[in-house]
Amino acid sequence: MMMGGGGADDDDSMWLCQENGYVSQLDLSWNGFGYEGALAVGELLKKNSTLTQLDLSSNRINWQAVQFLVDGITHNRTLHTLAVSNICENL
């Protein structure tokens, strides 16, 4: 599912992550989401058993938000590709 290029904000990302457990590829690049979006993606990573590719490039993810992602990744057994270029906001 491609939502890159400004197609989703924090609220959209949270909805998507809560409502869809069947996505295998997710592109959330260039959406400008930050803390709340990263929290939602972290929760998605904990619960989703089908996601294999995730692109979070060029979002406003700070250090605290990265911790949510790391927590989600440690619980996920299916993700094998994670793109995170240009996510530094106060890292």
N, C-alpha and C. Protein backbone atom coordinates (compact mmCIF):
# COMPACT_ATOMS: atom_id res chain seq x y z
N MET A 1 0.86 -1.16 0.00
CA MET A 1 0.00 0.00 0.00
C MET A 1 0.91 1.22 0.00
N MET A 2 0.71 2.09 -0.97
CA MET A 2 1.52 3.28 -1.09
C MET A 2 0.73 4.49 -0.62
N MET A 3 1.26 5.15 0.39
CA MET A 3 0.69 6.39 0.86
C MET A 3 1.77 7.45 0.95
N GLY A 4 2.86 7.23 0.23
CA GLY A 4 3.97 8.16 0.24
C GLY A 4 3.62 9.44 -0.49
N GLY A 5 4.40 10.47 -0.23
CA GLY A 5 4.23 11.73 -0.93
C GLY A 5 3.15 12.62 -0.36
N GLY A 6 2.91 12.51 0.94
CA GLY A 6 1.96 13.41 1.57
C GLY A 6 0.55 12.89 1.65
N GLY A 7 0.37 11.61 1.45
CA GLY A 7 -0.98 11.04 1.48
C GLY A 7 -1.52 10.73 2.86
N ALA A 8 -0.70 10.85 3.90
CA ALA A 8 -1.17 10.51 5.24
C ALA A 8 -0.51 11.42 6.26
N ASP A 9 -1.26 11.75 7.31
CA ASP A 9 -0.68 12.48 8.42
C ASP A 9 -0.72 11.58 9.65
N ASP A 10 -0.46 12.13 10.85
CA ASP A 10 -0.46 11.31 12.06
C ASP A 10 -1.78 10.56 12.24
N ASP A 11 -2.90 11.26 12.07
CA ASP A 11 -4.21 10.63 12.27
C ASP A 11 -4.46 9.51 11.26
N ASP A 12 -4.12 9.75 9.99
CA ASP A 12 -4.30 8.73 8.96
C ASP A 12 -3.45 7.51 9.26
N SER A 13 -2.21 7.75 9.67
CA SER A 13 -1.30 6.65 9.97
C SER A 13 -1.81 5.83 11.14
N MET A 14 -2.35 6.51 12.16
CA MET A 14 -2.88 5.79 13.31
C MET A 14 -4.07 4.94 12.89
N TRP A 15 -4.98 5.49 12.07
CA TRP A 15 -6.14 4.73 11.61
C TRP A 15 -5.71 3.52 10.80
N LEU A 16 -4.81 3.73 9.87
CA LEU A 16 -4.35 2.66 9.01
C LEU A 16 -3.73 1.53 9.82
N CYS A 17 -2.92 1.88 10.77
CA CYS A 17 -2.22 0.88 11.55
C CYS A 17 -3.16 0.12 12.47
N GLN A 18 -4.23 0.75 12.90
CA GLN A 18 -5.18 0.08 13.78
C GLN A 18 -6.17 -0.78 13.01
N GLU A 19 -6.49 -0.39 11.79
CA GLU A 19 -7.56 -1.04 11.05
C GLU A 19 -7.12 -2.12 10.06
N ASN A 20 -5.84 -2.21 9.76
CA ASN A 20 -5.44 -3.11 8.69
C ASN A 20 -4.34 -4.05 9.16
N GLY A 21 -4.67 -5.32 9.31
CA GLY A 21 -3.70 -6.32 9.72
C GLY A 21 -3.22 -7.19 8.58
N TYR A 22 -3.54 -6.81 7.33
CA TYR A 22 -3.22 -7.66 6.19
C TYR A 22 -2.23 -7.04 5.21
N VAL A 23 -1.73 -5.88 5.51
CA VAL A 23 -0.80 -5.18 4.62
C VAL A 23 0.57 -5.86 4.69
N SER A 24 1.19 -6.09 3.51
CA SER A 24 2.54 -6.67 3.50
C SER A 24 3.59 -5.63 3.12
N GLN A 25 3.21 -4.61 2.35
CA GLN A 25 4.13 -3.54 1.97
C GLN A 25 3.45 -2.21 2.26
N LEU A 26 4.15 -1.34 2.98
CA LEU A 26 3.56 -0.07 3.38
C LEU A 26 4.56 1.06 3.16
N ASP A 27 4.19 2.02 2.33
CA ASP A 27 5.02 3.19 2.04
C ASP A 27 4.37 4.41 2.67
N LEU A 28 4.95 4.89 3.77
CA LEU A 28 4.48 6.09 4.45
C LEU A 28 5.48 7.23 4.33
N SER A 29 6.34 7.16 3.34
CA SER A 29 7.37 8.19 3.17
C SER A 29 6.76 9.54 2.81
N TRP A 30 7.46 10.61 3.18
CA TRP A 30 7.10 11.99 2.83
C TRP A 30 5.70 12.39 3.29
N ASN A 31 5.28 11.93 4.44
CA ASN A 31 3.96 12.29 4.95
C ASN A 31 4.03 13.30 6.09
N GLY A 32 5.19 13.57 6.60
CA GLY A 32 5.33 14.57 7.64
C GLY A 32 4.80 14.14 9.00
N PHE A 33 4.51 12.86 9.18
CA PHE A 33 4.04 12.46 10.49
C PHE A 33 5.21 12.36 11.45
N GLY A 34 4.91 12.43 12.73
CA GLY A 34 5.95 12.44 13.74
C GLY A 34 5.64 11.48 14.87
N TYR A 35 5.55 12.03 16.07
CA TYR A 35 5.42 11.25 17.30
C TYR A 35 4.22 10.30 17.27
N GLU A 36 3.02 10.84 17.03
CA GLU A 36 1.82 9.99 17.07
C GLU A 36 1.80 8.96 15.95
N GLY A 37 2.27 9.35 14.77
CA GLY A 37 2.34 8.41 13.67
C GLY A 37 3.31 7.28 13.96
N ALA A 38 4.45 7.62 14.56
CA ALA A 38 5.43 6.59 14.93
C ALA A 38 4.89 5.68 16.01
N LEU A 39 4.12 6.23 16.94
CA LEU A 39 3.48 5.41 17.96
C LEU A 39 2.55 4.39 17.31
N ALA A 40 1.75 4.84 16.35
CA ALA A 40 0.83 3.95 15.65
C ALA A 40 1.57 2.88 14.85
N VAL A 41 2.63 3.27 14.18
CA VAL A 41 3.42 2.30 13.41
C VAL A 41 4.08 1.30 14.35
N GLY A 42 4.56 1.76 15.49
CA GLY A 42 5.14 0.84 16.48
C GLY A 42 4.13 -0.20 16.93
N GLU A 43 2.89 0.23 17.15
CA GLU A 43 1.83 -0.71 17.53
C GLU A 43 1.51 -1.66 16.39
N LEU A 44 1.50 -1.14 15.17
CA LEU A 44 1.28 -2.00 14.00
C LEU A 44 2.33 -3.09 13.94
N LEU A 45 3.57 -2.71 14.15
CA LEU A 45 4.66 -3.68 14.07
C LEU A 45 4.52 -4.78 15.12
N LYS A 46 3.98 -4.43 16.26
CA LYS A 46 3.77 -5.44 17.31
C LYS A 46 2.70 -6.44 16.93
N LYS A 47 1.65 -5.98 16.24
CA LYS A 47 0.47 -6.80 16.00
C LYS A 47 0.42 -7.45 14.62
N ASN A 48 1.04 -6.83 13.64
CA ASN A 48 0.91 -7.29 12.26
C ASN A 48 1.86 -8.44 11.99
N SER A 49 1.35 -9.50 11.41
CA SER A 49 2.19 -10.67 11.10
C SER A 49 2.35 -10.85 9.59
N THR A 50 2.02 -9.82 8.81
CA THR A 50 2.13 -9.92 7.36
C THR A 50 3.05 -8.86 6.75
N LEU A 51 3.36 -7.79 7.49
CA LEU A 51 4.16 -6.69 6.96
C LEU A 51 5.60 -7.12 6.75
N THR A 52 6.07 -7.00 5.52
CA THR A 52 7.45 -7.37 5.20
C THR A 52 8.30 -6.17 4.80
N GLN A 53 7.67 -5.10 4.28
CA GLN A 53 8.41 -3.92 3.84
C GLN A 53 7.72 -2.66 4.36
N LEU A 54 8.53 -1.75 4.92
CA LEU A 54 8.01 -0.51 5.47
C LEU A 54 8.95 0.63 5.13
N ASP A 55 8.40 1.70 4.57
CA ASP A 55 9.18 2.89 4.22
C ASP A 55 8.66 4.08 5.02
N LEU A 56 9.49 4.58 5.93
CA LEU A 56 9.15 5.74 6.75
C LEU A 56 10.02 6.94 6.41
N SER A 57 10.69 6.90 5.29
CA SER A 57 11.64 7.95 4.90
C SER A 57 10.99 9.33 4.85
N SER A 58 11.79 10.32 5.20
CA SER A 58 11.42 11.74 5.08
C SER A 58 10.18 12.11 5.88
N ASN A 59 10.11 11.64 7.11
CA ASN A 59 9.08 12.05 8.05
C ASN A 59 9.74 12.77 9.22
N ARG A 60 8.95 13.37 10.10
CA ARG A 60 9.46 14.15 11.23
C ARG A 60 9.50 13.29 12.49
N ILE A 61 10.32 12.28 12.49
CA ILE A 61 10.38 11.34 13.60
C ILE A 61 11.55 11.71 14.50
N ASN A 62 11.24 12.02 15.77
CA ASN A 62 12.29 12.40 16.72
C ASN A 62 12.75 11.19 17.54
N TRP A 63 13.67 11.43 18.45
CA TRP A 63 14.27 10.34 19.22
C TRP A 63 13.22 9.56 20.02
N GLN A 64 12.31 10.27 20.66
CA GLN A 64 11.28 9.57 21.44
C GLN A 64 10.41 8.69 20.55
N ALA A 65 10.10 9.17 19.37
CA ALA A 65 9.28 8.39 18.43
C ALA A 65 10.04 7.17 17.92
N VAL A 66 11.33 7.30 17.72
CA VAL A 66 12.15 6.16 17.28
C VAL A 66 12.05 5.03 18.29
N GLN A 67 11.94 5.36 19.55
CA GLN A 67 11.85 4.32 20.58
C GLN A 67 10.59 3.47 20.41
N PHE A 68 9.48 4.07 19.97
CA PHE A 68 8.26 3.30 19.69
C PHE A 68 8.49 2.34 18.53
N LEU A 69 9.20 2.82 17.51
CA LEU A 69 9.49 1.97 16.35
C LEU A 69 10.38 0.80 16.74
N VAL A 70 11.40 1.08 17.53
CA VAL A 70 12.31 0.01 17.97
C VAL A 70 11.55 -1.03 18.79
N ASP A 71 10.68 -0.57 19.66
CA ASP A 71 9.88 -1.50 20.47
C ASP A 71 9.01 -2.38 19.57
N GLY A 72 8.39 -1.79 18.57
CA GLY A 72 7.57 -2.56 17.64
C GLY A 72 8.38 -3.55 16.84
N ILE A 73 9.55 -3.13 16.40
CA ILE A 73 10.42 -4.01 15.60
C ILE A 73 10.88 -5.21 16.42
N THR A 74 11.15 -5.02 17.70
CA THR A 74 11.60 -6.15 18.52
C THR A 74 10.53 -7.21 18.68
N HIS A 75 9.26 -6.84 18.50
CA HIS A 75 8.16 -7.80 18.61
C HIS A 75 7.73 -8.38 17.26
N ASN A 76 8.26 -7.84 16.18
CA ASN A 76 7.83 -8.24 14.84
C ASN A 76 8.75 -9.31 14.28
N ARG A 77 8.18 -10.33 13.65
CA ARG A 77 8.96 -11.44 13.10
C ARG A 77 8.91 -11.50 11.58
N THR A 78 8.19 -10.59 10.93
CA THR A 78 8.03 -10.68 9.48
C THR A 78 8.70 -9.55 8.70
N LEU A 79 8.94 -8.40 9.34
CA LEU A 79 9.53 -7.26 8.64
C LEU A 79 10.97 -7.57 8.25
N HIS A 80 11.28 -7.41 6.95
CA HIS A 80 12.67 -7.63 6.53
C HIS A 80 13.26 -6.42 5.82
N THR A 81 12.45 -5.43 5.45
CA THR A 81 12.97 -4.23 4.81
C THR A 81 12.36 -3.00 5.49
N LEU A 82 13.24 -2.13 6.01
CA LEU A 82 12.82 -0.91 6.67
C LEU A 82 13.63 0.25 6.11
N ALA A 83 12.96 1.21 5.49
CA ALA A 83 13.62 2.40 4.94
C ALA A 83 13.35 3.57 5.87
N VAL A 84 14.42 4.22 6.33
CA VAL A 84 14.28 5.31 7.29
C VAL A 84 15.19 6.50 6.96
N SER A 85 15.50 6.72 5.70
CA SER A 85 16.37 7.84 5.38
C SER A 85 15.66 9.17 5.64
N ASN A 86 16.41 10.15 6.04
CA ASN A 86 15.91 11.51 6.29
C ASN A 86 14.77 11.57 7.29
N ILE A 87 14.88 10.85 8.40
CA ILE A 87 13.84 10.93 9.42
C ILE A 87 14.29 11.78 10.61
N CYS A 88 15.43 12.39 10.52
CA CYS A 88 15.99 13.05 11.70
C CYS A 88 15.33 14.38 11.99
N GLU A 89 14.61 14.41 13.08
CA GLU A 89 14.14 15.66 13.67
C GLU A 89 14.58 15.62 15.12
N ASN A 90 15.59 16.36 15.42
CA ASN A 90 16.15 16.44 16.78
C ASN A 90 16.73 15.10 17.23
N LEU A 91 17.30 14.32 16.33
CA LEU A 91 17.92 13.05 16.72
C LEU A 91 19.30 13.30 17.26
